[in-house]
Amino acid sequence: MSVAVAGCGAEEASTASPSSTGSRPLSATSATPTRPPSTSSDRATPLAAQPTVDPYEGIPLVDHVEWTENVDGPRLLVFPSEAGRRTTYPGSDERAWQEVLVQSPAADAPGMRDQFVCHWDWARLVQPNKPSWNLEPWRPAVGYPETVQASCNPGGPER
């Protein structure tokens, strides 16, 4: 999985004239700069608004988990609920991870949380209808950035 980040407004910023970037009008009664009247284009617009109230509060984010065995070793299948697939509420990743640990305390192994959060942050976007997310305790614990760089599967491809 590859993540690309693009800057917004870079072209407009580079074409601004020097006089438009540093000066503000002064009022007639003081030497204090006054703010020019704002326009709708002056207001910052968030790229993705975060909800201020958890629309899925009290609803499980993880439907169930299931341990399986494959050629490489044990694998925990995490089946997100519909709420888990849809929520964007801040902190929902940690709430969902705690649900995983309640259902399977053995999931609390090095690297497993990073694999889970990688799936939470990225797999929901890339494969929103994937039935389950595979977490493997035998994978090396390399930290979150390297886990993401390895498409949530550090130490080798998913089989």
C-alpha atoms as a PDB file:
ATOM      1  CA  MET A   1       0.000   0.000   0.000  1.00  0.00           C
ATOM      2  CA  SER A   2       1.363   3.385  -0.926  1.00  0.00           C
ATOM      3  CA  VAL A   3       0.302   6.653   0.656  1.00  0.00           C
ATOM      4  CA  ALA A   4       0.497   9.895  -1.298  1.00  0.00           C
ATOM      5  CA  VAL A   5       0.055  13.313   0.220  1.00  0.00           C
ATOM      6  CA  ALA A   6      -0.662  16.353  -1.911  1.00  0.00           C
ATOM      7  CA  GLY A   7      -0.562  19.926  -0.730  1.00  0.00           C
ATOM      8  CA  CYS A   8      -3.556  22.139  -1.313  1.00  0.00           C
ATOM      9  CA  GLY A   9      -3.195  25.695  -2.445  1.00  0.00           C
ATOM     10  CA  ALA A  10       0.526  25.482  -3.189  1.00  0.00           C
ATOM     11  CA  GLU A  11       0.081  27.124  -6.590  1.00  0.00           C
ATOM     12  CA  GLU A  12      -1.926  30.027  -5.190  1.00  0.00           C
ATOM     13  CA  ALA A  13       0.665  30.635  -2.456  1.00  0.00           C
ATOM     14  CA  SER A  14       3.525  30.741  -4.929  1.00  0.00           C
ATOM     15  CA  THR A  15       1.766  33.258  -7.171  1.00  0.00           C
ATOM     16  CA  ALA A  16       0.936  35.749  -4.420  1.00  0.00           C
ATOM     17  CA  SER A  17       2.521  39.167  -4.935  1.00  0.00           C
ATOM     18  CA  PRO A  18       4.934  40.463  -2.290  1.00  0.00           C
ATOM     19  CA  SER A  19       2.644  43.383  -1.491  1.00  0.00           C
ATOM     20  CA  SER A  20      -0.299  41.079  -0.819  1.00  0.00           C
ATOM     21  CA  THR A  21       1.482  38.870   1.695  1.00  0.00           C
ATOM     22  CA  GLY A  22       2.885  41.181   4.337  1.00  0.00           C
ATOM     23  CA  SER A  23       0.880  44.412   4.577  1.00  0.00           C
ATOM     24  CA  ARG A  24      -2.357  45.169   6.359  1.00  0.00           C
ATOM     25  CA  PRO A  25      -4.239  48.458   6.301  1.00  0.00           C
ATOM     26  CA  LEU A  26      -3.764  50.795   9.266  1.00  0.00           C
ATOM     27  CA  SER A  27      -6.733  52.482  10.874  1.00  0.00           C
ATOM     28  CA  ALA A  28      -6.880  56.263  10.874  1.00  0.00           C
ATOM     29  CA  THR A  29      -6.978  56.418  14.683  1.00  0.00           C
ATOM     30  CA  SER A  30      -4.049  54.164  15.561  1.00  0.00           C
ATOM     31  CA  ALA A  31      -0.919  52.638  14.192  1.00  0.00           C
ATOM     32  CA  THR A  32      -2.289  49.166  14.929  1.00  0.00           C
ATOM     33  CA  PRO A  33      -2.970  47.028  11.877  1.00  0.00           C
ATOM     34  CA  THR A  34      -6.601  46.241  11.301  1.00  0.00           C
ATOM     35  CA  ARG A  35      -7.864  43.089   9.700  1.00  0.00           C
ATOM     36  CA  PRO A  36      -9.427  43.555   6.290  1.00  0.00           C
ATOM     37  CA  PRO A  37     -13.000  42.373   5.929  1.00  0.00           C
ATOM     38  CA  SER A  38     -13.067  38.618   5.557  1.00  0.00           C
ATOM     39  CA  THR A  39     -14.485  36.915   2.556  1.00  0.00           C
ATOM     40  CA  SER A  40     -15.703  33.373   2.256  1.00  0.00           C
ATOM     41  CA  SER A  41     -12.409  32.452   0.564  1.00  0.00           C
ATOM     42  CA  ASP A  42     -10.451  33.668   3.639  1.00  0.00           C
ATOM     43  CA  ARG A  43     -11.999  31.082   5.931  1.00  0.00           C
ATOM     44  CA  ALA A  44     -10.112  27.848   6.427  1.00  0.00           C
ATOM     45  CA  THR A  45     -12.097  24.765   5.503  1.00  0.00           C
ATOM     46  CA  PRO A  46     -11.086  21.467   7.095  1.00  0.00           C
ATOM     47  CA  LEU A  47     -10.285  18.699   4.615  1.00  0.00           C
ATOM     48  CA  ALA A  48     -12.373  16.174   6.523  1.00  0.00           C
ATOM     49  CA  ALA A  49     -14.539  17.309   9.374  1.00  0.00           C
ATOM     50  CA  GLN A  50     -14.251  15.117  12.462  1.00  0.00           C
ATOM     51  CA  PRO A  51     -17.513  14.419  14.266  1.00  0.00           C
ATOM     52  CA  THR A  52     -17.781  16.058  17.679  1.00  0.00           C
ATOM     53  CA  VAL A  53     -20.175  13.407  18.979  1.00  0.00           C
ATOM     54  CA  ASP A  54     -19.510   9.696  18.524  1.00  0.00           C
ATOM     55  CA  PRO A  55     -22.370   8.509  16.286  1.00  0.00           C
ATOM     56  CA  TYR A  56     -21.507   4.876  17.160  1.00  0.00           C
ATOM     57  CA  GLU A  57     -21.169   5.269  20.936  1.00  0.00           C
ATOM     58  CA  GLY A  58     -22.232   2.043  22.621  1.00  0.00           C
ATOM     59  CA  ILE A  59     -22.180   0.101  19.334  1.00  0.00           C
ATOM     60  CA  PRO A  60     -19.412  -2.496  18.921  1.00  0.00           C
ATOM     61  CA  LEU A  61     -16.749  -1.605  16.356  1.00  0.00           C
ATOM     62  CA  VAL A  62     -15.467  -5.185  16.194  1.00  0.00           C
ATOM     63  CA  ASP A  63     -18.019  -7.881  15.412  1.00  0.00           C
ATOM     64  CA  HIS A  64     -15.795 -10.806  16.392  1.00  0.00           C
ATOM     65  CA  VAL A  65     -12.286 -12.247  16.224  1.00  0.00           C
ATOM     66  CA  GLU A  66     -11.150 -15.730  15.291  1.00  0.00           C
ATOM     67  CA  TRP A  67      -7.767 -17.440  15.628  1.00  0.00           C
ATOM     68  CA  THR A  68      -6.628 -19.615  12.729  1.00  0.00           C
ATOM     69  CA  GLU A  69      -3.393 -21.330  11.778  1.00  0.00           C
ATOM     70  CA  ASN A  70      -1.631 -20.936   8.429  1.00  0.00           C
ATOM     71  CA  VAL A  71       1.695 -22.031   6.953  1.00  0.00           C
ATOM     72  CA  ASP A  72       3.533 -19.175   8.738  1.00  0.00           C
ATOM     73  CA  GLY A  73       1.906 -19.585  12.152  1.00  0.00           C
ATOM     74  CA  PRO A  74      -1.072 -18.273  14.086  1.00  0.00           C
ATOM     75  CA  ARG A  75      -3.298 -15.584  12.628  1.00  0.00           C
ATOM     76  CA  LEU A  76      -5.990 -13.514  14.309  1.00  0.00           C
ATOM     77  CA  LEU A  77      -8.843 -12.611  11.985  1.00  0.00           C
ATOM     78  CA  VAL A  78     -10.535  -9.391  13.086  1.00  0.00           C
ATOM     79  CA  PHE A  79     -14.033  -8.884  11.689  1.00  0.00           C
ATOM     80  CA  PRO A  80     -15.018  -5.208  11.966  1.00  0.00           C
ATOM     81  CA  SER A  81     -18.683  -4.383  12.460  1.00  0.00           C
ATOM     82  CA  GLU A  82     -20.491  -2.032  10.094  1.00  0.00           C
ATOM     83  CA  ALA A  83     -19.969   0.731  12.682  1.00  0.00           C
ATOM     84  CA  GLY A  84     -16.257  -0.122  12.742  1.00  0.00           C
ATOM     85  CA  ARG A  85     -16.069   0.222   8.986  1.00  0.00           C
ATOM     86  CA  ARG A  86     -17.825   3.608   8.968  1.00  0.00           C
ATOM     87  CA  THR A  87     -16.662   5.529  12.034  1.00  0.00           C
ATOM     88  CA  THR A  88     -14.252   8.434  11.760  1.00  0.00           C
ATOM     89  CA  TYR A  89     -14.605   9.482  15.380  1.00  0.00           C
ATOM     90  CA  PRO A  90     -11.265  10.440  16.990  1.00  0.00           C
ATOM     91  CA  GLY A  91      -9.985   7.659  19.243  1.00  0.00           C
ATOM     92  CA  SER A  92     -12.182   4.999  17.685  1.00  0.00           C
ATOM     93  CA  ASP A  93      -9.055   3.027  16.730  1.00  0.00           C
ATOM     94  CA  GLU A  94      -8.123   2.618  20.395  1.00  0.00           C
ATOM     95  CA  ARG A  95     -11.690   1.790  21.371  1.00  0.00           C
ATOM     96  CA  ALA A  96     -11.775  -0.912  18.680  1.00  0.00           C
ATOM     97  CA  TRP A  97      -8.367  -2.297  19.762  1.00  0.00           C
ATOM     98  CA  GLN A  98      -9.669  -2.602  23.331  1.00  0.00           C
ATOM     99  CA  GLU A  99     -12.646  -4.563  21.953  1.00  0.00           C
ATOM    100  CA  VAL A 100     -10.182  -6.924  20.227  1.00  0.00           C
ATOM    101  CA  LEU A 101      -8.302  -7.425  23.519  1.00  0.00           C
ATOM    102  CA  VAL A 102     -11.516  -8.151  25.420  1.00  0.00           C
ATOM    103  CA  GLN A 103     -12.438 -10.808  22.867  1.00  0.00           C
ATOM    104  CA  SER A 104      -8.892 -12.223  22.721  1.00  0.00           C
ATOM    105  CA  PRO A 105      -6.353 -11.147  25.359  1.00  0.00           C
ATOM    106  CA  ALA A 106      -3.705 -13.167  23.465  1.00  0.00           C
ATOM    107  CA  ALA A 107      -3.796 -10.443  20.789  1.00  0.00           C
ATOM    108  CA  ASP A 108      -1.716  -8.272  23.123  1.00  0.00           C
ATOM    109  CA  ALA A 109       1.579  -9.339  21.527  1.00  0.00           C
ATOM    110  CA  PRO A 110       4.420  -7.186  20.124  1.00  0.00           C
ATOM    111  CA  GLY A 111       3.524  -5.638  16.780  1.00  0.00           C
ATOM    112  CA  MET A 112      -0.125  -6.709  16.818  1.00  0.00           C
ATOM    113  CA  ARG A 113      -1.479  -3.269  17.764  1.00  0.00           C
ATOM    114  CA  ASP A 114       0.532  -1.635  14.959  1.00  0.00           C
ATOM    115  CA  GLN A 115      -0.875  -4.164  12.469  1.00  0.00           C
ATOM    116  CA  PHE A 116      -4.389  -3.482  13.765  1.00  0.00           C
ATOM    117  CA  VAL A 117      -4.070   0.323  13.602  1.00  0.00           C
ATOM    118  CA  CYS A 118      -2.553   0.033  10.114  1.00  0.00           C
ATOM    119  CA  HIS A 119      -5.633  -1.904   8.999  1.00  0.00           C
ATOM    120  CA  TRP A 120      -7.885   0.552  10.841  1.00  0.00           C
ATOM    121  CA  ASP A 121      -6.266   3.590   9.216  1.00  0.00           C
ATOM    122  CA  TRP A 122      -5.544   2.252   5.719  1.00  0.00           C
ATOM    123  CA  ALA A 123      -7.215  -1.066   4.896  1.00  0.00           C
ATOM    124  CA  ARG A 124     -10.639   0.445   5.587  1.00  0.00           C
ATOM    125  CA  LEU A 125      -9.893   2.914   2.774  1.00  0.00           C
ATOM    126  CA  VAL A 126      -8.181   0.564   0.332  1.00  0.00           C
ATOM    127  CA  GLN A 127     -10.406  -2.496   0.840  1.00  0.00           C
ATOM    128  CA  PRO A 128     -13.490  -1.262   2.687  1.00  0.00           C
ATOM    129  CA  ASN A 129     -15.399  -4.527   2.189  1.00  0.00           C
ATOM    130  CA  LYS A 130     -12.613  -6.961   3.111  1.00  0.00           C
ATOM    131  CA  PRO A 131     -14.364  -9.400   5.468  1.00  0.00           C
ATOM    132  CA  SER A 132     -11.533  -9.602   8.009  1.00  0.00           C
ATOM    133  CA  TRP A 133      -8.160  -8.131   8.812  1.00  0.00           C
ATOM    134  CA  ASN A 134      -5.302 -10.551   9.459  1.00  0.00           C
ATOM    135  CA  LEU A 135      -3.004  -9.903  12.409  1.00  0.00           C
ATOM    136  CA  GLU A 136      -0.067 -12.233  12.947  1.00  0.00           C
ATOM    137  CA  PRO A 137       1.937 -12.369  16.179  1.00  0.00           C
ATOM    138  CA  TRP A 138       4.907 -13.948  14.372  1.00  0.00           C
ATOM    139  CA  ARG A 139       5.483 -10.788  12.308  1.00  0.00           C
ATOM    140  CA  PRO A 140       8.313  -8.553  13.581  1.00  0.00           C
ATOM    141  CA  ALA A 141       7.403  -5.545  15.718  1.00  0.00           C
ATOM    142  CA  VAL A 142       8.907  -2.757  13.581  1.00  0.00           C
ATOM    143  CA  GLY A 143       6.807   0.223  14.714  1.00  0.00           C
ATOM    144  CA  TYR A 144       3.805   1.825  13.084  1.00  0.00           C
ATOM    145  CA  PRO A 145       5.538   3.720  10.202  1.00  0.00           C
ATOM    146  CA  GLU A 146       7.355   0.600   8.970  1.00  0.00           C
ATOM    147  CA  THR A 147       4.196  -1.481   9.396  1.00  0.00           C
ATOM    148  CA  VAL A 148       2.346   0.945   7.116  1.00  0.00           C
ATOM    149  CA  GLN A 149       5.224   0.930   4.632  1.00  0.00           C
ATOM    150  CA  ALA A 150       4.942  -2.894   4.550  1.00  0.00           C
ATOM    151  CA  SER A 151       1.201  -2.677   3.719  1.00  0.00           C
ATOM    152  CA  CYS A 152       0.388  -3.770   7.292  1.00  0.00           C
ATOM    153  CA  ASN A 153       2.415  -6.985   6.809  1.00  0.00           C
ATOM    154  CA  PRO A 154       5.981  -6.452   8.070  1.00  0.00           C
ATOM    155  CA  GLY A 155       8.341  -9.366   7.617  1.00  0.00           C
ATOM    156  CA  GLY A 156       6.856 -10.696   4.403  1.00  0.00           C
ATOM    157  CA  PRO A 157       3.747 -10.694   2.251  1.00  0.00           C
ATOM    158  CA  GLU A 158       0.363 -11.917   3.351  1.00  0.00           C
ATOM    159  CA  ARG A 159      -0.371 -15.467   2.263  1.00  0.00           C
END
